[in-house]
């Protein structure tokens, strides 16, 4: 398969595999078997092997996959060659937490700007990132070659923010609000609703584990 057309779930798992492999390397574990990797992600070894075959990697030796080599291979597939710049829209508690947590985690993804309308946040450095007024968004995005945006603004403003981002040339949006967005086919949209995720957890606790 052309690695430019990998299934979305496979890309998600590759990112998760890499994080696990990096943790293994940090603990001195240099090799890992497919069933070990599968167990750490609550999936089957068959699924792990299928994902890795899709990226052309199947060189598991007697002692398992070479963790360092597999990290490199996944990086070659998932990461942009020279890296991508990211902006965060909305520097409330969630936006600040996202910026603080994410910055420095991946060298090929850099949060380089933030936006808000609160005068107490604009023209300040928050979580190590310059915060601009939202009206400056088009110029800042162009000037900093930003291609990805994270929306953590109040939900009622999310659709308008998305329109501004698309007009400014953003190619990928990660939406952390509870409002579903509509964007053109030229923009990749990923939506993460924490309320939905929590209700999903609550449902399975109720149906499977509650006494």
Protein backbone atom coordinates (compact mmCIF):
# COMPACT_ATOMS: atom_id res chain seq x y z
CA UNK A 1 0.00 0.00 0.00
CA UNK A 2 1.06 3.55 -0.72
CA UNK A 3 1.98 4.96 2.70
CA UNK A 4 0.40 8.28 1.67
CA UNK A 5 -2.98 6.52 1.88
CA UNK A 6 -2.78 4.62 5.15
CA UNK A 7 -6.05 4.04 7.05
CA UNK A 8 -6.66 6.65 9.75
CA UNK A 9 -6.73 4.05 12.53
CA UNK A 10 -3.40 2.64 11.36
CA UNK A 11 -1.81 6.10 11.56
CA UNK A 12 -3.20 6.48 15.09
CA UNK A 13 -1.75 3.14 16.14
CA UNK A 14 1.64 3.88 14.55
CA UNK A 15 1.87 7.02 16.67
CA UNK A 16 0.95 4.99 19.75
CA UNK A 17 3.47 2.28 18.89
CA UNK A 18 6.24 4.86 18.56
CA UNK A 19 5.42 6.35 21.95
CA UNK A 20 5.52 2.90 23.54
CA UNK A 21 8.80 2.03 21.78
CA UNK A 22 10.40 5.24 22.98
CA UNK A 23 9.34 4.39 26.53
CA UNK A 24 10.86 0.92 26.12
CA UNK A 25 14.14 2.38 24.88
CA UNK A 26 14.21 4.80 27.80
CA UNK A 27 13.98 1.79 30.12
CA UNK A 28 16.80 -0.03 28.30
CA UNK A 29 14.59 -2.47 26.37
CA UNK A 30 15.96 -2.62 22.82
CA UNK A 31 13.72 -5.28 21.27
CA UNK A 32 10.03 -6.15 21.51
CA UNK A 33 7.82 -8.92 20.15
CA UNK A 34 4.57 -8.21 18.33
CA UNK A 35 2.54 -9.87 21.10
CA UNK A 36 4.25 -7.65 23.69
CA UNK A 37 3.47 -4.50 21.72
CA UNK A 38 -0.07 -5.73 21.20
CA UNK A 39 -0.56 -6.39 24.91
CA UNK A 40 0.51 -2.85 25.77
CA UNK A 41 -2.19 -1.50 23.42
CA UNK A 42 -4.98 -4.00 24.13
CA UNK A 43 -5.04 -5.25 20.54
CA UNK A 44 -3.95 -8.47 18.83
CA UNK A 45 -0.49 -9.35 17.61
CA UNK A 46 -2.06 -9.92 14.19
CA UNK A 47 -3.17 -6.28 14.15
CA UNK A 48 0.33 -5.09 15.05
CA UNK A 49 1.90 -7.17 12.29
CA UNK A 50 -0.73 -6.02 9.78
CA UNK A 51 -0.07 -2.35 10.61
CA UNK A 52 3.67 -2.78 10.22
CA UNK A 53 3.29 -4.70 6.96
CA UNK A 54 1.30 -1.74 5.59
CA UNK A 55 4.38 0.43 6.02
CA UNK A 56 6.64 -2.23 4.54
CA UNK A 57 8.19 -3.36 7.83
CA UNK A 58 8.24 -7.04 8.73
CA UNK A 59 11.78 -7.68 9.93
CA UNK A 60 11.01 -9.28 13.28
CA UNK A 61 13.97 -11.41 14.32
CA UNK A 62 14.24 -14.10 16.98
CA UNK A 63 14.48 -11.49 19.71
CA UNK A 64 11.66 -9.34 18.32
CA UNK A 65 11.48 -6.01 16.56
CA UNK A 66 14.45 -3.67 16.86
CA UNK A 67 12.80 -0.82 18.79
CA UNK A 68 15.20 1.89 17.60
CA UNK A 69 14.88 0.84 13.97
CA UNK A 70 11.09 0.68 14.20
CA UNK A 71 10.95 4.16 15.75
CA UNK A 72 12.93 5.44 12.78
CA UNK A 73 10.71 3.68 10.25
CA UNK A 74 7.52 5.01 11.84
CA UNK A 75 9.04 8.49 11.96
CA UNK A 76 9.83 8.33 8.25
CA UNK A 77 6.17 7.52 7.57
CA UNK A 78 4.36 9.76 10.07
CA UNK A 79 6.57 12.84 10.35
CA UNK A 80 6.87 15.68 7.87
CA UNK A 81 10.33 15.90 6.33
CA UNK A 82 11.17 19.37 7.68
CA UNK A 83 8.50 19.68 10.36
CA UNK A 84 5.19 21.52 10.63
CA UNK A 85 4.22 24.59 12.62
CA UNK A 86 1.10 24.64 14.78
CA UNK A 87 -1.12 27.37 16.26
CA UNK A 88 -3.48 27.12 19.24
CA UNK A 89 -6.70 29.14 19.09
CA UNK A 90 -8.04 29.96 22.54
CA UNK A 91 -5.66 30.20 25.49
CA UNK A 92 -8.01 29.41 28.32
CA UNK A 93 -7.27 26.57 30.72
CA UNK A 94 -7.54 23.93 27.98
CA UNK A 95 -5.45 25.81 25.41
CA UNK A 96 -2.77 26.53 27.97
CA UNK A 97 -2.71 22.90 29.10
CA UNK A 98 -2.46 21.62 25.51
CA UNK A 99 0.40 24.01 24.73
CA UNK A 100 2.28 23.22 27.92
CA UNK A 101 1.93 19.47 27.47
CA UNK A 102 2.65 19.24 23.76
CA UNK A 103 5.53 21.62 23.22
CA UNK A 104 8.79 19.73 22.95
CA UNK A 105 7.15 16.29 22.69
CA UNK A 106 7.72 15.97 18.94
CA UNK A 107 10.57 17.80 17.15
CA UNK A 108 8.71 17.76 13.83
CA UNK A 109 5.61 19.47 15.29
CA UNK A 110 6.07 22.88 16.88
CA UNK A 111 3.48 25.15 18.47
CA UNK A 112 4.74 28.56 17.37
CA UNK A 113 1.76 30.85 17.99
CA UNK A 114 -1.41 31.20 20.04
CA UNK A 115 -4.47 33.40 19.60
CA UNK A 116 -7.09 34.86 21.91
CA UNK A 117 -9.28 37.95 22.33
CA UNK A 118 -8.67 38.47 26.06
CA UNK A 119 -6.56 41.65 26.49
CA UNK A 120 -4.93 40.02 29.53
CA UNK A 121 -3.51 37.28 27.28
CA UNK A 122 -2.79 39.09 24.01
CA UNK A 123 0.78 40.29 23.45
CA UNK A 124 2.09 37.99 26.15
CA UNK A 125 4.14 34.81 26.17
CA UNK A 126 1.95 32.00 27.50
CA UNK A 127 3.35 28.51 28.05
CA UNK A 128 6.40 29.56 26.05
CA UNK A 129 4.40 30.75 23.02
CA UNK A 130 3.59 34.26 21.79
CA UNK A 131 -0.14 34.98 22.06
CA UNK A 132 -1.67 37.26 19.42
CA UNK A 133 -5.10 38.81 19.00
CA UNK A 134 -7.33 36.73 16.77
CA UNK A 135 -7.56 39.61 14.27
CA UNK A 136 -3.85 39.07 13.54
CA UNK A 137 -4.44 35.43 12.62
CA UNK A 138 -4.03 35.64 8.80
CA UNK A 139 -0.75 37.58 8.97
CA UNK A 140 0.76 35.46 11.75
CA UNK A 141 -0.16 32.19 10.04
CA UNK A 142 1.40 33.32 6.78
CA UNK A 143 4.49 34.81 8.41
CA UNK A 144 5.19 31.69 10.48
CA UNK A 145 4.24 29.16 7.80
CA UNK A 146 1.66 27.56 10.09
CA UNK A 147 -0.26 24.65 8.56
CA UNK A 148 -2.02 23.07 11.57
CA UNK A 149 -4.36 24.67 14.11
CA UNK A 150 -5.75 23.42 17.40
CA UNK A 151 -9.11 24.95 18.32
CA UNK A 152 -9.68 25.20 22.08
CA UNK A 153 -11.85 28.32 21.99
CA UNK A 154 -15.38 28.58 23.46
CA UNK A 155 -17.67 26.23 21.49
CA UNK A 156 -19.94 28.94 20.11
CA UNK A 157 -17.01 30.63 18.39
CA UNK A 158 -15.52 27.45 16.90
CA UNK A 159 -17.32 27.56 13.51
CA UNK A 160 -16.23 31.16 12.88
CA UNK A 161 -12.69 30.34 13.98
CA UNK A 162 -12.62 27.38 11.59
CA UNK A 163 -13.73 29.63 8.72
CA UNK A 164 -10.93 32.09 9.53
CA UNK A 165 -8.38 29.29 9.65
CA UNK A 166 -9.46 27.84 6.32
CA UNK A 167 -9.36 31.30 4.73
CA UNK A 168 -5.85 31.81 6.13
CA UNK A 169 -4.60 28.63 4.44
CA UNK A 170 -4.57 26.15 7.33
CA UNK A 171 -4.42 22.54 6.06
CA UNK A 172 -5.24 20.61 9.24
CA UNK A 173 -7.48 21.31 12.24
CA UNK A 174 -7.70 19.51 15.58
CA UNK A 175 -11.00 20.53 17.16
CA UNK A 176 -11.18 20.23 20.96
CA UNK A 177 -14.58 21.92 21.25
CA UNK A 178 -17.96 20.19 21.55
CA UNK A 179 -19.25 21.74 18.30
CA UNK A 180 -18.83 19.62 15.14
CA UNK A 181 -17.18 21.59 12.36
CA UNK A 182 -17.59 21.57 8.61
CA UNK A 183 -14.50 22.27 6.50
CA UNK A 184 -13.68 21.85 2.79
CA UNK A 185 -12.11 18.68 1.46
CA UNK A 186 -8.79 20.53 1.21
CA UNK A 187 -8.53 20.63 5.03
CA UNK A 188 -8.07 17.57 7.24
CA UNK A 189 -10.29 17.72 10.35
CA UNK A 190 -9.86 15.70 13.53
CA UNK A 191 -12.45 16.22 16.26
CA UNK A 192 -11.97 15.27 19.88
CA UNK A 193 -14.92 15.71 22.23
CA UNK A 194 -13.98 14.98 25.85
CA UNK A 195 -17.65 14.86 26.93
CA UNK A 196 -18.40 12.15 24.38
CA UNK A 197 -15.31 10.21 25.45
CA UNK A 198 -16.29 10.44 29.11
CA UNK A 199 -19.85 9.35 28.37
CA UNK A 200 -18.46 6.39 26.42
CA UNK A 201 -16.38 5.38 29.44
CA UNK A 202 -19.40 5.83 31.72
CA UNK A 203 -21.55 3.65 29.46
CA UNK A 204 -19.10 0.75 29.55
CA UNK A 205 -18.62 1.10 33.30
CA UNK A 206 -22.40 0.91 33.70
CA UNK A 207 -22.93 -2.02 31.34
CA UNK A 208 -19.85 -4.13 32.08
CA UNK A 209 -18.41 -3.32 35.47
CA UNK A 210 -20.96 -1.58 37.70
CA UNK A 211 -22.39 -3.70 40.52
